[in-house]
Amino acid sequence: MSDSTDRTSVVLGRVSIAAITLVIAGLVLFLLGIVLDWGGFVGGLGLGAGVALGLVGAYLWGYGNGIRRGGVRASWLPSQETGR
């Protein structure tokens, strides 16, 4: 394995760990807000932060999986023929 492949693997591993951590932290914060029945501004802030952390974690998870797969960038191309 080359050095750049090793670095890429380490970075993707860290992105995956960060994504899973953010999703779990968001879920915990969201559930705490519901179970403890937080009200008012602080409750809305806690619930919103929980949802936001979960969304950012899901984005990072998808980003890491997309980069890890590599593959062909364009899977569909329009026809090169002229229409008849």
PDB file of N, CA and C in Angstrom:
ATOM      1  N   MET A   1       0.830  -1.182   0.000  1.00  0.00           N
ATOM      2  CA  MET A   1       0.000   0.000   0.000  1.00  0.00           C
ATOM      3  C   MET A   1       0.871   1.240   0.000  1.00  0.00           C
ATOM      4  N   SER A   2       0.429   2.232  -0.729  1.00  0.00           N
ATOM      5  CA  SER A   2       1.221   3.456  -0.768  1.00  0.00           C
ATOM      6  C   SER A   2       0.908   4.334   0.436  1.00  0.00           C
ATOM      7  N   ASP A   3       1.733   5.330   0.623  1.00  0.00           N
ATOM      8  CA  ASP A   3       1.583   6.220   1.767  1.00  0.00           C
ATOM      9  C   ASP A   3       0.300   7.047   1.669  1.00  0.00           C
ATOM     10  N   SER A   4      -0.054   7.506   0.462  1.00  0.00           N
ATOM     11  CA  SER A   4      -1.269   8.306   0.315  1.00  0.00           C
ATOM     12  C   SER A   4      -2.518   7.467   0.547  1.00  0.00           C
ATOM     13  N   THR A   5      -2.482   6.189   0.176  1.00  0.00           N
ATOM     14  CA  THR A   5      -3.614   5.306   0.430  1.00  0.00           C
ATOM     15  C   THR A   5      -3.785   5.070   1.922  1.00  0.00           C
ATOM     16  N   ASP A   6      -2.683   4.944   2.643  1.00  0.00           N
ATOM     17  CA  ASP A   6      -2.748   4.791   4.092  1.00  0.00           C
ATOM     18  C   ASP A   6      -3.352   6.025   4.747  1.00  0.00           C
ATOM     19  N   ARG A   7      -2.926   7.196   4.298  1.00  0.00           N
ATOM     20  CA  ARG A   7      -3.465   8.444   4.852  1.00  0.00           C
ATOM     21  C   ARG A   7      -4.948   8.580   4.550  1.00  0.00           C
ATOM     22  N   THR A   8      -5.342   8.226   3.328  1.00  0.00           N
ATOM     23  CA  THR A   8      -6.751   8.305   2.950  1.00  0.00           C
ATOM     24  C   THR A   8      -7.582   7.371   3.810  1.00  0.00           C
ATOM     25  N   SER A   9      -7.076   6.178   4.041  1.00  0.00           N
ATOM     26  CA  SER A   9      -7.782   5.211   4.870  1.00  0.00           C
ATOM     27  C   SER A   9      -7.941   5.719   6.305  1.00  0.00           C
ATOM     28  N   VAL A  10      -6.901   6.333   6.840  1.00  0.00           N
ATOM     29  CA  VAL A  10      -6.965   6.878   8.197  1.00  0.00           C
ATOM     30  C   VAL A  10      -7.969   8.019   8.267  1.00  0.00           C
ATOM     31  N   VAL A  11      -7.948   8.899   7.276  1.00  0.00           N
ATOM     32  CA  VAL A  11      -8.867  10.039   7.270  1.00  0.00           C
ATOM     33  C   VAL A  11     -10.313   9.557   7.157  1.00  0.00           C
ATOM     34  N   LEU A  12     -10.570   8.594   6.272  1.00  0.00           N
ATOM     35  CA  LEU A  12     -11.926   8.075   6.125  1.00  0.00           C
ATOM     36  C   LEU A  12     -12.391   7.367   7.386  1.00  0.00           C
ATOM     37  N   GLY A  13     -11.482   6.710   8.076  1.00  0.00           N
ATOM     38  CA  GLY A  13     -11.829   6.099   9.354  1.00  0.00           C
ATOM     39  C   GLY A  13     -12.216   7.136  10.383  1.00  0.00           C
ATOM     40  N   ARG A  14     -11.486   8.228  10.403  1.00  0.00           N
ATOM     41  CA  ARG A  14     -11.806   9.305  11.348  1.00  0.00           C
ATOM     42  C   ARG A  14     -13.117   9.983  11.007  1.00  0.00           C
ATOM     43  N   VAL A  15     -13.397  10.159   9.716  1.00  0.00           N
ATOM     44  CA  VAL A  15     -14.668  10.754   9.297  1.00  0.00           C
ATOM     45  C   VAL A  15     -15.816   9.848   9.713  1.00  0.00           C
ATOM     46  N   SER A  16     -15.659   8.546   9.548  1.00  0.00           N
ATOM     47  CA  SER A  16     -16.710   7.605   9.941  1.00  0.00           C
ATOM     48  C   SER A  16     -16.939   7.638  11.445  1.00  0.00           C
ATOM     49  N   ILE A  17     -15.867   7.682  12.221  1.00  0.00           N
ATOM     50  CA  ILE A  17     -15.998   7.742  13.679  1.00  0.00           C
ATOM     51  C   ILE A  17     -16.679   9.045  14.096  1.00  0.00           C
ATOM     52  N   ALA A  18     -16.284  10.143  13.480  1.00  0.00           N
ATOM     53  CA  ALA A  18     -16.911  11.430  13.795  1.00  0.00           C
ATOM     54  C   ALA A  18     -18.393  11.416  13.425  1.00  0.00           C
ATOM     55  N   ALA A  19     -18.730  10.823  12.283  1.00  0.00           N
ATOM     56  CA  ALA A  19     -20.125  10.768  11.848  1.00  0.00           C
ATOM     57  C   ALA A  19     -20.968   9.957  12.825  1.00  0.00           C
ATOM     58  N   ILE A  20     -20.479   8.806  13.225  1.00  0.00           N
ATOM     59  CA  ILE A  20     -21.225   7.966  14.158  1.00  0.00           C
ATOM     60  C   ILE A  20     -21.369   8.662  15.500  1.00  0.00           C
ATOM     61  N   THR A  21     -20.314   9.319  15.953  1.00  0.00           N
ATOM     62  CA  THR A  21     -20.363  10.052  17.215  1.00  0.00           C
ATOM     63  C   THR A  21     -21.388  11.178  17.162  1.00  0.00           C
ATOM     64  N   LEU A  22     -21.421  11.916  16.047  1.00  0.00           N
ATOM     65  CA  LEU A  22     -22.387  13.012  15.920  1.00  0.00           C
ATOM     66  C   LEU A  22     -23.819  12.502  15.881  1.00  0.00           C
ATOM     67  N   VAL A  23     -24.051  11.416  15.178  1.00  0.00           N
ATOM     68  CA  VAL A  23     -25.404  10.860  15.120  1.00  0.00           C
ATOM     69  C   VAL A  23     -25.853  10.407  16.511  1.00  0.00           C
ATOM     70  N   ILE A  24     -24.977   9.731  17.239  1.00  0.00           N
ATOM     71  CA  ILE A  24     -25.331   9.264  18.579  1.00  0.00           C
ATOM     72  C   ILE A  24     -25.540  10.443  19.530  1.00  0.00           C
ATOM     73  N   ALA A  25     -24.662  11.452  19.468  1.00  0.00           N
ATOM     74  CA  ALA A  25     -24.813  12.629  20.327  1.00  0.00           C
ATOM     75  C   ALA A  25     -26.108  13.366  20.008  1.00  0.00           C
ATOM     76  N   GLY A  26     -26.434  13.482  18.731  1.00  0.00           N
ATOM     77  CA  GLY A  26     -27.689  14.132  18.352  1.00  0.00           C
ATOM     78  C   GLY A  26     -28.899  13.374  18.846  1.00  0.00           C
ATOM     79  N   LEU A  27     -28.855  12.047  18.736  1.00  0.00           N
ATOM     80  CA  LEU A  27     -29.963  11.226  19.211  1.00  0.00           C
ATOM     81  C   LEU A  27     -30.127  11.341  20.718  1.00  0.00           C
ATOM     82  N   VAL A  28     -29.007  11.308  21.438  1.00  0.00           N
ATOM     83  CA  VAL A  28     -29.063  11.431  22.902  1.00  0.00           C
ATOM     84  C   VAL A  28     -29.615  12.793  23.303  1.00  0.00           C
ATOM     85  N   LEU A  29     -29.152  13.846  22.671  1.00  0.00           N
ATOM     86  CA  LEU A  29     -29.627  15.189  23.002  1.00  0.00           C
ATOM     87  C   LEU A  29     -31.105  15.344  22.677  1.00  0.00           C
ATOM     88  N   PHE A  30     -31.519  14.814  21.552  1.00  0.00           N
ATOM     89  CA  PHE A  30     -32.929  14.888  21.160  1.00  0.00           C
ATOM     90  C   PHE A  30     -33.811  14.121  22.144  1.00  0.00           C
ATOM     91  N   LEU A  31     -33.385  12.905  22.498  1.00  0.00           N
ATOM     92  CA  LEU A  31     -34.178  12.111  23.438  1.00  0.00           C
ATOM     93  C   LEU A  31     -34.195  12.715  24.837  1.00  0.00           C
ATOM     94  N   LEU A  32     -33.082  13.317  25.252  1.00  0.00           N
ATOM     95  CA  LEU A  32     -33.070  14.010  26.547  1.00  0.00           C
ATOM     96  C   LEU A  32     -34.065  15.164  26.557  1.00  0.00           C
ATOM     97  N   GLY A  33     -34.129  15.877  25.451  1.00  0.00           N
ATOM     98  CA  GLY A  33     -35.070  16.982  25.360  1.00  0.00           C
ATOM     99  C   GLY A  33     -36.509  16.524  25.452  1.00  0.00           C
ATOM    100  N   ILE A  34     -36.807  15.374  24.870  1.00  0.00           N
ATOM    101  CA  ILE A  34     -38.176  14.864  24.921  1.00  0.00           C
ATOM    102  C   ILE A  34     -38.484  14.265  26.291  1.00  0.00           C
ATOM    103  N   VAL A  35     -37.576  13.435  26.831  1.00  0.00           N
ATOM    104  CA  VAL A  35     -37.825  12.750  28.100  1.00  0.00           C
ATOM    105  C   VAL A  35     -37.873  13.735  29.260  1.00  0.00           C
ATOM    106  N   LEU A  36     -36.961  14.703  29.269  1.00  0.00           N
ATOM    107  CA  LEU A  36     -36.938  15.666  30.376  1.00  0.00           C
ATOM    108  C   LEU A  36     -37.951  16.789  30.183  1.00  0.00           C
ATOM    109  N   ASP A  37     -38.642  16.765  29.053  1.00  0.00           N
ATOM    110  CA  ASP A  37     -39.685  17.737  28.739  1.00  0.00           C
ATOM    111  C   ASP A  37     -39.179  19.173  28.891  1.00  0.00           C
ATOM    112  N   TRP A  38     -38.050  19.436  28.220  1.00  0.00           N
ATOM    113  CA  TRP A  38     -37.515  20.784  28.224  1.00  0.00           C
ATOM    114  C   TRP A  38     -38.509  21.704  27.546  1.00  0.00           C
ATOM    115  N   GLY A  39     -38.704  22.874  28.119  1.00  0.00           N
ATOM    116  CA  GLY A  39     -39.651  23.819  27.543  1.00  0.00           C
ATOM    117  C   GLY A  39     -38.984  25.141  27.229  1.00  0.00           C
ATOM    118  N   GLY A  40     -39.675  25.941  26.489  1.00  0.00           N
ATOM    119  CA  GLY A  40     -39.193  27.279  26.172  1.00  0.00           C
ATOM    120  C   GLY A  40     -38.051  27.293  25.192  1.00  0.00           C
ATOM    121  N   PHE A  41     -37.273  28.357  25.271  1.00  0.00           N
ATOM    122  CA  PHE A  41     -36.178  28.569  24.336  1.00  0.00           C
ATOM    123  C   PHE A  41     -35.107  27.498  24.455  1.00  0.00           C
ATOM    124  N   VAL A  42     -34.738  27.151  25.687  1.00  0.00           N
ATOM    125  CA  VAL A  42     -33.675  26.161  25.907  1.00  0.00           C
ATOM    126  C   VAL A  42     -34.106  24.789  25.382  1.00  0.00           C
ATOM    127  N   GLY A  43     -35.370  24.443  25.578  1.00  0.00           N
ATOM    128  CA  GLY A  43     -35.861  23.166  25.063  1.00  0.00           C
ATOM    129  C   GLY A  43     -35.821  23.112  23.550  1.00  0.00           C
ATOM    130  N   GLY A  44     -36.260  24.193  22.907  1.00  0.00           N
ATOM    131  CA  GLY A  44     -36.202  24.247  21.452  1.00  0.00           C
ATOM    132  C   GLY A  44     -34.780  24.228  20.941  1.00  0.00           C
ATOM    133  N   LEU A  45     -33.901  24.897  21.660  1.00  0.00           N
ATOM    134  CA  LEU A  45     -32.488  24.904  21.279  1.00  0.00           C
ATOM    135  C   LEU A  45     -31.885  23.506  21.400  1.00  0.00           C
ATOM    136  N   GLY A  46     -32.215  22.806  22.465  1.00  0.00           N
ATOM    137  CA  GLY A  46     -31.700  21.449  22.649  1.00  0.00           C
ATOM    138  C   GLY A  46     -32.219  20.489  21.598  1.00  0.00           C
ATOM    139  N   LEU A  47     -33.517  20.544  21.315  1.00  0.00           N
ATOM    140  CA  LEU A  47     -34.083  19.669  20.294  1.00  0.00           C
ATOM    141  C   LEU A  47     -33.525  19.991  18.913  1.00  0.00           C
ATOM    142  N   GLY A  48     -33.407  21.270  18.610  1.00  0.00           N
ATOM    143  CA  GLY A  48     -32.850  21.675  17.317  1.00  0.00           C
ATOM    144  C   GLY A  48     -31.393  21.275  17.165  1.00  0.00           C
ATOM    145  N   ALA A  49     -30.641  21.411  18.244  1.00  0.00           N
ATOM    146  CA  ALA A  49     -29.229  21.010  18.193  1.00  0.00           C
ATOM    147  C   ALA A  49     -29.107  19.503  18.018  1.00  0.00           C
ATOM    148  N   GLY A  50     -29.996  18.746  18.645  1.00  0.00           N
ATOM    149  CA  GLY A  50     -29.978  17.295  18.479  1.00  0.00           C
ATOM    150  C   GLY A  50     -30.268  16.883  17.045  1.00  0.00           C
ATOM    151  N   VAL A  51     -31.262  17.506  16.449  1.00  0.00           N
ATOM    152  CA  VAL A  51     -31.584  17.208  15.058  1.00  0.00           C
ATOM    153  C   VAL A  51     -30.439  17.634  14.142  1.00  0.00           C
ATOM    154  N   ALA A  52     -29.870  18.812  14.397  1.00  0.00           N
ATOM    155  CA  ALA A  52     -28.768  19.309  13.566  1.00  0.00           C
ATOM    156  C   ALA A  52     -27.548  18.395  13.654  1.00  0.00           C
ATOM    157  N   LEU A  53     -27.204  17.937  14.847  1.00  0.00           N
ATOM    158  CA  LEU A  53     -26.070  17.026  14.997  1.00  0.00           C
ATOM    159  C   LEU A  53     -26.310  15.717  14.242  1.00  0.00           C
ATOM    160  N   GLY A  54     -27.538  15.219  14.318  1.00  0.00           N
ATOM    161  CA  GLY A  54     -27.872  14.001  13.594  1.00  0.00           C
ATOM    162  C   GLY A  54     -27.763  14.179  12.087  1.00  0.00           C
ATOM    163  N   LEU A  55     -28.211  15.322  11.581  1.00  0.00           N
ATOM    164  CA  LEU A  55     -28.137  15.588  10.145  1.00  0.00           C
ATOM    165  C   LEU A  55     -26.693  15.755   9.665  1.00  0.00           C
ATOM    166  N   VAL A  56     -25.900  16.461  10.439  1.00  0.00           N
ATOM    167  CA  VAL A  56     -24.486  16.628  10.067  1.00  0.00           C
ATOM    168  C   VAL A  56     -23.768  15.277  10.102  1.00  0.00           C
ATOM    169  N   GLY A  57     -24.070  14.473  11.103  1.00  0.00           N
ATOM    170  CA  GLY A  57     -23.477  13.140  11.172  1.00  0.00           C
ATOM    171  C   GLY A  57     -23.885  12.267   9.995  1.00  0.00           C
ATOM    172  N   ALA A  58     -25.157  12.332   9.600  1.00  0.00           N
ATOM    173  CA  ALA A  58     -25.616  11.550   8.446  1.00  0.00           C
ATOM    174  C   ALA A  58     -24.944  12.025   7.165  1.00  0.00           C
ATOM    175  N   TYR A  59     -24.765  13.331   7.029  1.00  0.00           N
ATOM    176  CA  TYR A  59     -24.072  13.862   5.851  1.00  0.00           C
ATOM    177  C   TYR A  59     -22.631  13.355   5.802  1.00  0.00           C
ATOM    178  N   LEU A  60     -21.928  13.438   6.928  1.00  0.00           N
ATOM    179  CA  LEU A  60     -20.538  12.979   6.962  1.00  0.00           C
ATOM    180  C   LEU A  60     -20.431  11.484   6.691  1.00  0.00           C
ATOM    181  N   TRP A  61     -21.380  10.727   7.189  1.00  0.00           N
ATOM    182  CA  TRP A  61     -21.393   9.292   6.963  1.00  0.00           C
ATOM    183  C   TRP A  61     -21.544   8.994   5.468  1.00  0.00           C
ATOM    184  N   GLY A  62     -22.487   9.667   4.823  1.00  0.00           N
ATOM    185  CA  GLY A  62     -22.676   9.496   3.384  1.00  0.00           C
ATOM    186  C   GLY A  62     -21.482   9.978   2.583  1.00  0.00           C
ATOM    187  N   TYR A  63     -20.893  11.073   3.012  1.00  0.00           N
ATOM    188  CA  TYR A  63     -19.706  11.613   2.339  1.00  0.00           C
ATOM    189  C   TYR A  63     -18.555  10.612   2.403  1.00  0.00           C
ATOM    190  N   GLY A  64     -18.339  10.057   3.584  1.00  0.00           N
ATOM    191  CA  GLY A  64     -17.269   9.077   3.743  1.00  0.00           C
ATOM    192  C   GLY A  64     -17.513   7.828   2.913  1.00  0.00           C
ATOM    193  N   ASN A  65     -18.749   7.365   2.871  1.00  0.00           N
ATOM    194  CA  ASN A  65     -19.065   6.179   2.071  1.00  0.00           C
ATOM    195  C   ASN A  65     -18.919   6.460   0.583  1.00  0.00           C
ATOM    196  N   GLY A  66     -19.280   7.647   0.148  1.00  0.00           N
ATOM    197  CA  GLY A  66     -19.155   7.998  -1.262  1.00  0.00           C
ATOM    198  C   GLY A  66     -17.711   8.073  -1.708  1.00  0.00           C
ATOM    199  N   ILE A  67     -16.856   8.631  -0.872  1.00  0.00           N
ATOM    200  CA  ILE A  67     -15.439   8.728  -1.220  1.00  0.00           C
ATOM    201  C   ILE A  67     -14.793   7.349  -1.180  1.00  0.00           C
ATOM    202  N   ARG A  68     -15.175   6.548  -0.221  1.00  0.00           N
ATOM    203  CA  ARG A  68     -14.570   5.224  -0.072  1.00  0.00           C
ATOM    204  C   ARG A  68     -14.876   4.335  -1.273  1.00  0.00           C
ATOM    205  N   ARG A  69     -16.065   4.465  -1.847  1.00  0.00           N
ATOM    206  CA  ARG A  69     -16.438   3.625  -2.975  1.00  0.00           C
ATOM    207  C   ARG A  69     -15.662   3.967  -4.231  1.00  0.00           C
ATOM    208  N   GLY A  70     -15.404   5.244  -4.450  1.00  0.00           N
ATOM    209  CA  GLY A  70     -14.690   5.654  -5.664  1.00  0.00           C
ATOM    210  C   GLY A  70     -15.547   5.361  -6.872  1.00  0.00           C
ATOM    211  N   GLY A  71     -15.054   4.505  -7.746  1.00  0.00           N
ATOM    212  CA  GLY A  71     -15.839   4.071  -8.891  1.00  0.00           C
ATOM    213  C   GLY A  71     -15.972   5.134  -9.959  1.00  0.00           C
ATOM    214  N   VAL A  72     -16.876   4.869 -10.867  1.00  0.00           N
ATOM    215  CA  VAL A  72     -17.110   5.749 -12.000  1.00  0.00           C
ATOM    216  C   VAL A  72     -17.919   6.950 -11.539  1.00  0.00           C
ATOM    217  N   ARG A  73     -17.503   8.124 -11.947  1.00  0.00           N
ATOM    218  CA  ARG A  73     -18.202   9.341 -11.544  1.00  0.00           C
ATOM    219  C   ARG A  73     -19.537   9.496 -12.263  1.00  0.00           C
ATOM    220  N   ALA A  74     -19.531   9.344 -13.591  1.00  0.00           N
ATOM    221  CA  ALA A  74     -20.756   9.516 -14.363  1.00  0.00           C
ATOM    222  C   ALA A  74     -21.312   8.139 -14.710  1.00  0.00           C
ATOM    223  N   SER A  75     -22.416   7.771 -14.095  1.00  0.00           N
ATOM    224  CA  SER A  75     -22.976   6.456 -14.366  1.00  0.00           C
ATOM    225  C   SER A  75     -23.988   6.503 -15.509  1.00  0.00           C
ATOM    226  N   TRP A  76     -24.440   7.674 -15.875  1.00  0.00           N
ATOM    227  CA  TRP A  76     -25.384   7.810 -16.965  1.00  0.00           C
ATOM    228  C   TRP A  76     -24.972   9.007 -17.800  1.00  0.00           C
ATOM    229  N   LEU A  77     -24.926   8.821 -19.093  1.00  0.00           N
ATOM    230  CA  LEU A  77     -24.624   9.904 -20.022  1.00  0.00           C
ATOM    231  C   LEU A  77     -25.717   9.953 -21.071  1.00  0.00           C
ATOM    232  N   PRO A  78     -26.112  11.140 -21.494  1.00  0.00           N
ATOM    233  CA  PRO A  78     -27.135  11.222 -22.533  1.00  0.00           C
ATOM    234  C   PRO A  78     -26.596  10.671 -23.853  1.00  0.00           C
ATOM    235  N   SER A  79     -27.503  10.332 -24.714  1.00  0.00           N
ATOM    236  CA  SER A  79     -27.133   9.794 -26.017  1.00  0.00           C
ATOM    237  C   SER A  79     -26.368  10.834 -26.820  1.00  0.00           C
ATOM    238  N   GLN A  80     -25.388  10.378 -27.552  1.00  0.00           N
ATOM    239  CA  GLN A  80     -24.596  11.265 -28.396  1.00  0.00           C
ATOM    240  C   GLN A  80     -25.198  11.406 -29.797  1.00  0.00           C
ATOM    241  N   GLU A  81     -26.249  10.644 -30.081  1.00  0.00           N
ATOM    242  CA  GLU A  81     -26.874  10.690 -31.403  1.00  0.00           C
ATOM    243  C   GLU A  81     -27.785  11.903 -31.511  1.00  0.00           C
ATOM    244  N   THR A  82     -28.019  12.319 -32.737  1.00  0.00           N
ATOM    245  CA  THR A  82     -28.995  13.377 -32.969  1.00  0.00           C
ATOM    246  C   THR A  82     -30.376  12.764 -33.012  1.00  0.00           C
ATOM    247  N   GLY A  83     -31.365  13.459 -32.514  1.00  0.00           N
ATOM    248  CA  GLY A  83     -32.728  12.949 -32.478  1.00  0.00           C
ATOM    249  C   GLY A  83     -33.358  12.836 -33.856  1.00  0.00           C
ATOM    250  N   ARG A  84     -34.067  11.740 -34.101  1.00  0.00           N
ATOM    251  CA  ARG A  84     -34.775  11.545 -35.386  1.00  0.00           C
ATOM    252  C   ARG A  84     -36.213  11.309 -35.128  1.00  0.00           C
TER     253      ARG A  84
END
